[in-house]
Amino acid sequence: MTLDIFNPSISKINKTIQGSRILVYGDHGLGKSWQMAKSSRPFFFLFEKSGLKGIDGIPYEVVTNWSQFLRLLNQFVRNEEKARSVYDTIVIDGVDVMTFFADKYLSNAYGVSRIKDGNDGFGLWAEKTEELFFAIDKLSSLDFTIIFIGNETTIETLNSAGEKIYKKDVNGDKRLIPWVKKVCEHVVYVKGNGTDENGNPIPSSAYLADTDEFFARSRYTGTPAYIEEFSFENLEKAIVEGLEKEAEREGIELVSHEEYVESIRKEELVYEDLMKEIQEVGTRLVELGQADELTRISEKHLGINERVSECVKGQEEVMSVILDEMIALLNEVEQE
């Protein structure tokens, strides 16, 4: 995809749940994992090992350390097209537990016992924030439905009247959970309903609108705030209903998932393609007497005595910026 502000991508709304980012949380034992296992062709990252207990036939990996999670995630990234032929949904079961694995990974990497002991006692807090950010960013950039499953905690906060209240919210690290909330279009609170007169469990309910009792939301105002019987099927219906109402209210045409994916497809920077064009444009600039300017551009981005022609794989982003300036210079010189 060529970057061009005069021919930009146009935002579109997917008419299905496919590709959504959803956070489902609540107390233990309410069927969160059970129901999300009914999503379309799921793969489970089990940070919470009991998540699929009693559920048959679901592909999963039990995550025992952070490096294992990153290696599995990188398989999805490197083989995304192949993975899409097998899976539609990635489920992170136990999102509140993820941070403990990241802590251990960073402590080991920096040779300390605890994350707070790193950096001569100042802690590895910036490193932890960066590690969690890029993991969630990489995960959320994939073309799958992403479902995070978490547990609840009670926080002290203020309501709209400024009064102190105690409210249910997503349990987890302050460096992780706010970012997960941010990337999710829907945050679903699951609430138990106890038992009936015969002692049988009443199916849980789900909520997609914020109240003084709990945090929940949906990006689309038309999404039903309440699902009487929590199930993946009913959640999917509620989200699609919200999409349709939003489209009708705003006069927007909903598109297929394939059209939506095409509209948000990222520019792919391929090292070999970039280097070939850099060499072609660079040769032309030298022929036009612009060798000094070419050196200046390279050193501005890479440092003194560094040349773009010596860049290696992994430097595609800076190569693309240098190439852009080289092309601009070539156009300017050729018009003189």
Protein backbone atom coordinates (compact mmCIF):
# COMPACT_ATOMS: atom_id res chain seq x y z
CA MET A 1 0.00 0.00 0.00
CA THR A 2 1.46 3.35 -1.07
CA LEU A 3 1.24 6.20 1.40
CA ASP A 4 -0.67 9.05 -0.24
CA ILE A 5 -2.71 11.65 1.66
CA PHE A 6 -4.52 12.52 -1.58
CA ASN A 7 -5.62 8.92 -2.08
CA PRO A 8 -6.15 7.73 1.51
CA SER A 9 -7.73 4.59 2.89
CA ILE A 10 -11.40 5.10 3.74
CA SER A 11 -12.65 3.71 7.05
CA LYS A 12 -15.36 1.06 6.86
CA ILE A 13 -17.40 -0.94 9.35
CA ASN A 14 -17.35 -4.73 9.35
CA LYS A 15 -20.86 -6.22 9.37
CA THR A 16 -19.81 -9.32 11.32
CA ILE A 17 -18.18 -10.04 14.65
CA GLN A 18 -15.16 -11.38 12.80
CA GLY A 19 -12.07 -9.30 13.54
CA SER A 20 -13.54 -7.79 16.72
CA ARG A 21 -11.56 -7.31 19.93
CA ILE A 22 -13.59 -8.36 22.96
CA LEU A 23 -12.78 -8.40 26.69
CA VAL A 24 -14.99 -10.67 28.79
CA TYR A 25 -14.60 -10.60 32.57
CA GLY A 26 -16.39 -11.54 35.75
CA ASP A 27 -16.12 -13.81 38.77
CA HIS A 28 -14.75 -17.34 38.62
CA GLY A 29 -17.04 -20.17 37.55
CA LEU A 30 -19.52 -18.23 35.42
CA GLY A 31 -18.82 -20.02 32.14
CA LYS A 32 -16.65 -17.39 30.47
CA SER A 33 -14.17 -19.87 28.98
CA TRP A 34 -16.91 -22.39 28.26
CA GLN A 35 -18.87 -19.90 26.18
CA MET A 36 -15.88 -18.36 24.39
CA ALA A 37 -14.85 -21.88 23.38
CA LYS A 38 -17.99 -21.80 21.20
CA SER A 39 -16.56 -18.97 19.11
CA SER A 40 -15.65 -19.70 15.50
CA ARG A 41 -12.57 -21.97 15.22
CA PRO A 42 -10.77 -20.76 18.35
CA PHE A 43 -7.19 -21.20 19.53
CA PHE A 44 -6.69 -20.73 23.29
CA PHE A 45 -3.63 -19.28 24.98
CA LEU A 46 -4.20 -20.75 28.45
CA PHE A 47 -2.60 -18.47 31.01
CA GLU A 48 -5.24 -19.77 33.41
CA LYS A 49 -4.74 -23.51 33.21
CA SER A 50 -8.24 -24.52 34.33
CA GLY A 51 -9.92 -22.50 31.58
CA LEU A 52 -10.81 -25.42 29.30
CA LYS A 53 -11.34 -28.00 32.01
CA GLY A 54 -14.20 -30.27 30.95
CA ILE A 55 -14.34 -28.82 27.41
CA ASP A 56 -13.50 -31.22 24.60
CA GLY A 57 -11.91 -30.66 21.20
CA ILE A 58 -10.52 -27.10 21.55
CA PRO A 59 -6.99 -26.33 20.23
CA TYR A 60 -4.86 -24.72 22.96
CA GLU A 61 -1.43 -24.27 24.49
CA VAL A 62 -0.87 -23.93 28.23
CA VAL A 63 1.41 -20.90 28.64
CA THR A 64 4.08 -21.55 31.26
CA ASN A 65 6.41 -18.62 30.54
CA TRP A 66 6.52 -15.35 28.59
CA SER A 67 9.00 -16.52 25.96
CA GLN A 68 6.67 -19.40 25.10
CA PHE A 69 3.80 -16.93 24.61
CA LEU A 70 5.95 -14.74 22.35
CA ARG A 71 7.09 -17.71 20.27
CA LEU A 72 3.51 -18.88 19.79
CA LEU A 73 2.36 -15.35 18.97
CA ASN A 74 5.17 -14.97 16.44
CA GLN A 75 3.98 -18.13 14.70
CA PHE A 76 0.63 -16.42 14.12
CA VAL A 77 2.41 -13.28 12.90
CA ARG A 78 4.80 -15.06 10.54
CA ASN A 79 2.21 -17.51 9.23
CA GLU A 80 -0.93 -15.40 9.42
CA GLU A 81 -2.43 -16.51 6.12
CA LYS A 82 -1.86 -20.18 6.91
CA ALA A 83 -3.18 -19.73 10.45
CA ARG A 84 -6.36 -18.08 9.10
CA SER A 85 -7.08 -21.28 7.19
CA VAL A 86 -7.27 -23.09 10.54
CA TYR A 87 -8.44 -20.50 13.08
CA ASP A 88 -10.82 -17.53 13.16
CA THR A 89 -10.45 -16.62 16.84
CA ILE A 90 -7.58 -16.20 19.30
CA VAL A 91 -8.56 -16.41 22.96
CA ILE A 92 -6.30 -15.11 25.73
CA ASP A 93 -7.65 -16.96 28.78
CA GLY A 94 -6.35 -15.34 31.96
CA VAL A 95 -5.36 -11.87 30.76
CA ASP A 96 -4.79 -10.78 34.37
CA VAL A 97 -2.13 -13.48 34.76
CA MET A 98 -0.06 -12.43 31.73
CA THR A 99 1.85 -9.77 33.62
CA PHE A 100 3.37 -12.24 36.09
CA PHE A 101 5.00 -14.15 33.23
CA ALA A 102 6.30 -10.89 31.75
CA ASP A 103 7.74 -9.90 35.15
CA LYS A 104 9.65 -13.18 35.43
CA TYR A 105 10.91 -12.92 31.87
CA LEU A 106 12.28 -9.40 32.39
CA SER A 107 13.78 -10.25 35.78
CA ASN A 108 15.67 -13.15 34.24
CA ALA A 109 16.72 -11.07 31.24
CA TYR A 110 18.21 -8.37 33.46
CA GLY A 111 19.69 -10.78 36.00
CA VAL A 112 17.64 -9.74 39.05
CA SER A 113 15.33 -11.64 41.39
CA ARG A 114 12.42 -9.22 41.16
CA ILE A 115 11.41 -6.68 38.58
CA LYS A 116 11.63 -3.87 41.14
CA ASP A 117 15.34 -4.67 41.70
CA GLY A 118 16.34 -3.88 38.11
CA ASN A 119 18.06 -0.67 37.00
CA ASP A 120 19.98 -0.41 40.27
CA GLY A 121 16.83 -0.53 42.36
CA PHE A 122 14.78 1.87 40.23
CA GLY A 123 12.85 -1.02 38.73
CA LEU A 124 12.20 -2.26 35.21
CA TRP A 125 8.89 -0.44 34.98
CA ALA A 126 9.53 1.27 31.64
CA GLU A 127 10.80 -2.00 30.17
CA LYS A 128 7.71 -3.81 31.47
CA THR A 129 5.36 -1.21 30.00
CA GLU A 130 7.10 -1.50 26.63
CA GLU A 131 7.11 -5.30 26.71
CA LEU A 132 3.38 -5.51 27.44
CA PHE A 133 2.48 -2.75 24.98
CA PHE A 134 4.22 -4.36 22.02
CA ALA A 135 2.84 -7.82 22.83
CA ILE A 136 -0.75 -6.56 22.91
CA ASP A 137 -0.14 -4.35 19.88
CA LYS A 138 1.22 -7.29 17.89
CA LEU A 139 -1.67 -9.49 18.99
CA SER A 140 -4.35 -6.90 18.17
CA SER A 141 -2.87 -6.24 14.73
CA LEU A 142 -3.66 -9.80 13.63
CA ASP A 143 -6.63 -10.49 11.35
CA PHE A 144 -8.50 -12.68 13.84
CA THR A 145 -11.26 -12.14 16.36
CA ILE A 146 -9.34 -11.56 19.59
CA ILE A 147 -11.05 -12.42 22.88
CA PHE A 148 -9.51 -11.66 26.26
CA ILE A 149 -10.93 -13.46 29.30
CA GLY A 150 -10.28 -11.99 32.73
CA ASN A 151 -11.46 -11.92 36.31
CA GLU A 152 -13.07 -9.15 38.30
CA THR A 153 -11.87 -7.01 41.17
CA THR A 154 -13.51 -4.27 43.21
CA ILE A 155 -12.16 -0.74 42.96
CA GLU A 156 -12.92 2.43 44.85
CA THR A 157 -13.91 5.30 42.56
CA LEU A 158 -16.31 8.23 42.20
CA ASN A 159 -19.66 8.21 40.44
CA SER A 160 -21.01 11.00 38.24
CA ALA A 161 -22.21 12.86 41.34
CA GLY A 162 -18.74 12.77 42.86
CA GLU A 163 -19.71 10.23 45.49
CA LYS A 164 -17.38 7.42 46.55
CA ILE A 165 -18.54 4.02 45.28
CA TYR A 166 -17.16 0.48 45.05
CA LYS A 167 -17.33 -0.89 41.56
CA LYS A 168 -16.47 -4.11 39.71
CA ASP A 169 -13.67 -3.74 37.15
CA VAL A 170 -11.18 -5.89 35.28
CA ASN A 171 -8.53 -7.36 37.55
CA GLY A 172 -4.91 -6.97 36.51
CA ASP A 173 -1.80 -4.85 36.23
CA LYS A 174 -2.16 -1.11 35.62
CA ARG A 175 0.44 -1.36 32.85
CA LEU A 176 -1.57 -4.01 31.01
CA ILE A 177 -5.32 -3.81 31.57
CA PRO A 178 -5.86 -0.18 30.43
CA TRP A 179 -4.18 -1.01 27.12
CA VAL A 180 -6.27 -4.17 26.69
CA LYS A 181 -9.41 -2.13 27.36
CA LYS A 182 -8.30 0.45 24.82
CA VAL A 183 -7.87 -2.03 21.96
CA CYS A 184 -11.20 -3.77 22.67
CA GLU A 185 -14.40 -2.52 21.04
CA HIS A 186 -16.47 -4.38 23.64
CA VAL A 187 -15.90 -4.92 27.36
CA VAL A 188 -18.40 -7.45 28.67
CA TYR A 189 -19.15 -7.92 32.36
CA VAL A 190 -20.53 -11.37 33.24
CA LYS A 191 -22.62 -11.60 36.40
CA GLY A 192 -23.85 -14.72 38.13
CA ASN A 193 -27.53 -15.19 38.98
CA GLY A 194 -27.22 -17.71 41.78
CA THR A 195 -29.47 -20.79 41.89
CA ASP A 196 -33.16 -21.48 41.45
CA GLU A 197 -35.55 -22.92 44.07
CA ASN A 198 -34.24 -26.39 43.30
CA GLY A 199 -30.62 -25.43 43.79
CA ASN A 200 -29.77 -25.51 40.10
CA PRO A 201 -27.48 -22.78 38.74
CA ILE A 202 -29.27 -20.02 36.83
CA PRO A 203 -27.37 -19.08 33.65
CA SER A 204 -25.19 -15.99 34.01
CA SER A 205 -26.12 -12.66 32.44
CA ALA A 206 -23.88 -10.22 30.57
CA TYR A 207 -23.71 -6.43 30.38
CA LEU A 208 -22.23 -4.11 27.76
CA ALA A 209 -22.94 -0.70 29.32
CA ASP A 210 -21.24 1.03 32.22
CA THR A 211 -23.02 1.41 35.57
CA ASP A 212 -22.09 2.39 39.13
CA GLU A 213 -21.95 -1.33 39.90
CA PHE A 214 -19.52 -2.46 37.18
CA PHE A 215 -17.44 -1.32 34.21
CA ALA A 216 -18.67 -2.41 30.77
CA ARG A 217 -19.05 -0.79 27.36
CA SER A 218 -19.52 -1.21 23.65
CA ARG A 219 -18.14 1.05 20.95
CA TYR A 220 -21.55 1.07 19.26
CA THR A 221 -24.37 2.87 21.04
CA GLY A 222 -27.00 0.56 19.56
CA THR A 223 -25.56 -2.53 21.23
CA PRO A 224 -27.98 -3.98 23.80
CA ALA A 225 -26.80 -3.15 27.30
CA TYR A 226 -28.07 -6.43 28.76
CA ILE A 227 -27.94 -10.06 27.69
CA GLU A 228 -30.23 -12.09 29.92
CA GLU A 229 -28.54 -15.42 29.26
CA PHE A 230 -24.82 -15.14 28.65
CA SER A 231 -23.62 -17.27 25.75
CA PHE A 232 -21.27 -16.69 22.85
CA GLU A 233 -24.19 -16.94 20.44
CA ASN A 234 -26.17 -14.27 22.31
CA LEU A 235 -23.10 -12.05 22.63
CA GLU A 236 -22.47 -12.29 18.90
CA LYS A 237 -26.11 -11.39 18.18
CA ALA A 238 -25.90 -8.36 20.48
CA ILE A 239 -22.72 -7.07 18.84
CA VAL A 240 -24.08 -7.51 15.32
CA GLU A 241 -27.32 -5.77 16.38
CA GLY A 242 -25.24 -2.85 17.65
CA LEU A 243 -23.33 -2.69 14.36
CA GLU A 244 -26.53 -2.67 12.31
CA LYS A 245 -28.17 0.03 14.44
CA GLU A 246 -25.02 2.16 14.28
CA ALA A 247 -24.90 1.83 10.49
CA GLU A 248 -28.58 2.70 10.14
CA ARG A 249 -28.30 5.75 12.40
CA GLU A 250 -25.16 7.08 10.69
CA GLY A 251 -26.19 6.11 7.16
CA ILE A 252 -23.18 3.83 6.80
CA GLU A 253 -22.99 0.81 4.54
CA LEU A 254 -21.65 -2.26 6.32
CA VAL A 255 -19.09 -4.28 4.39
CA SER A 256 -17.90 -7.87 4.40
CA HIS A 257 -14.99 -8.87 6.59
CA GLU A 258 -12.77 -9.22 3.52
CA GLU A 259 -13.55 -5.65 2.40
CA TYR A 260 -12.96 -4.39 5.94
CA VAL A 261 -9.57 -6.11 6.18
CA GLU A 262 -8.53 -4.64 2.84
CA SER A 263 -9.46 -1.14 4.05
CA ILE A 264 -7.17 -1.37 7.09
CA ARG A 265 -4.35 -3.38 5.54
CA LYS A 266 -1.00 -2.02 6.65
CA GLU A 267 1.83 -1.03 4.37
CA GLU A 268 4.20 -3.97 4.06
CA LEU A 269 7.87 -2.98 4.06
CA VAL A 270 9.93 -5.62 2.25
CA TYR A 271 13.68 -5.27 2.67
CA GLU A 272 14.60 -6.49 -0.81
CA ASP A 273 12.11 -4.17 -2.51
CA LEU A 274 13.24 -1.17 -0.47
CA MET A 275 16.94 -1.82 -1.12
CA LYS A 276 16.38 -2.23 -4.86
CA GLU A 277 14.54 1.10 -5.10
CA ILE A 278 17.10 2.83 -2.85
CA GLN A 279 19.90 1.68 -5.17
CA GLU A 280 18.01 2.81 -8.28
CA VAL A 281 17.12 6.25 -6.87
CA GLY A 282 20.59 6.61 -5.31
CA THR A 283 22.31 5.89 -8.61
CA ARG A 284 20.19 8.51 -10.35
CA LEU A 285 20.95 11.10 -7.63
CA VAL A 286 24.69 10.52 -7.97
CA GLU A 287 24.43 10.94 -11.76
CA LEU A 288 22.72 14.29 -11.11
CA GLY A 289 25.52 15.46 -8.81
CA GLN A 290 23.61 14.95 -5.55
CA ALA A 291 26.05 12.60 -3.78
CA ASP A 292 26.59 15.04 -0.91
CA GLU A 293 22.85 15.47 -0.37
CA LEU A 294 22.42 11.71 -0.45
CA THR A 295 25.07 11.38 2.27
CA ARG A 296 23.38 14.08 4.32
CA ILE A 297 20.04 12.27 4.20
CA SER A 298 21.60 8.96 5.26
CA GLU A 299 23.58 10.48 8.13
CA LYS A 300 20.56 12.43 9.38
CA HIS A 301 18.71 9.19 10.03
CA LEU A 302 21.50 6.66 10.61
CA GLY A 303 24.37 8.64 12.13
CA ILE A 304 27.72 9.99 10.96
CA ASN A 305 29.48 7.86 8.32
CA GLU A 306 26.50 5.49 8.07
CA ARG A 307 25.06 4.72 4.64
CA VAL A 308 21.57 3.54 3.73
CA SER A 309 23.11 1.10 1.26
CA GLU A 310 24.57 -0.74 4.27
CA CYS A 311 21.25 -1.20 6.08
CA VAL A 312 20.29 -4.74 7.02
CA LYS A 313 17.00 -6.55 7.57
CA GLY A 314 15.22 -5.13 10.58
CA GLN A 315 15.86 -1.54 9.46
CA GLU A 316 13.00 -1.42 6.97
CA GLU A 317 11.20 1.46 8.69
CA VAL A 318 14.15 3.85 8.62
CA MET A 319 14.97 2.70 5.09
CA SER A 320 11.45 3.65 3.96
CA VAL A 321 11.81 7.14 5.46
CA ILE A 322 15.20 7.68 3.80
CA LEU A 323 13.83 6.43 0.49
CA ASP A 324 10.91 8.84 0.74
CA GLU A 325 13.33 11.78 1.18
CA MET A 326 15.53 10.51 -1.66
CA ILE A 327 12.54 10.38 -4.01
CA ALA A 328 11.49 13.89 -2.96
CA LEU A 329 15.03 15.15 -3.66
CA LEU A 330 15.12 13.40 -7.05
CA ASN A 331 11.78 14.94 -8.06
CA GLU A 332 12.98 18.38 -6.98
CA VAL A 333 16.26 18.12 -8.92
CA GLU A 334 14.65 16.77 -12.07
CA GLN A 335 12.18 19.68 -12.13
CA GLU A 336 14.91 22.30 -11.98
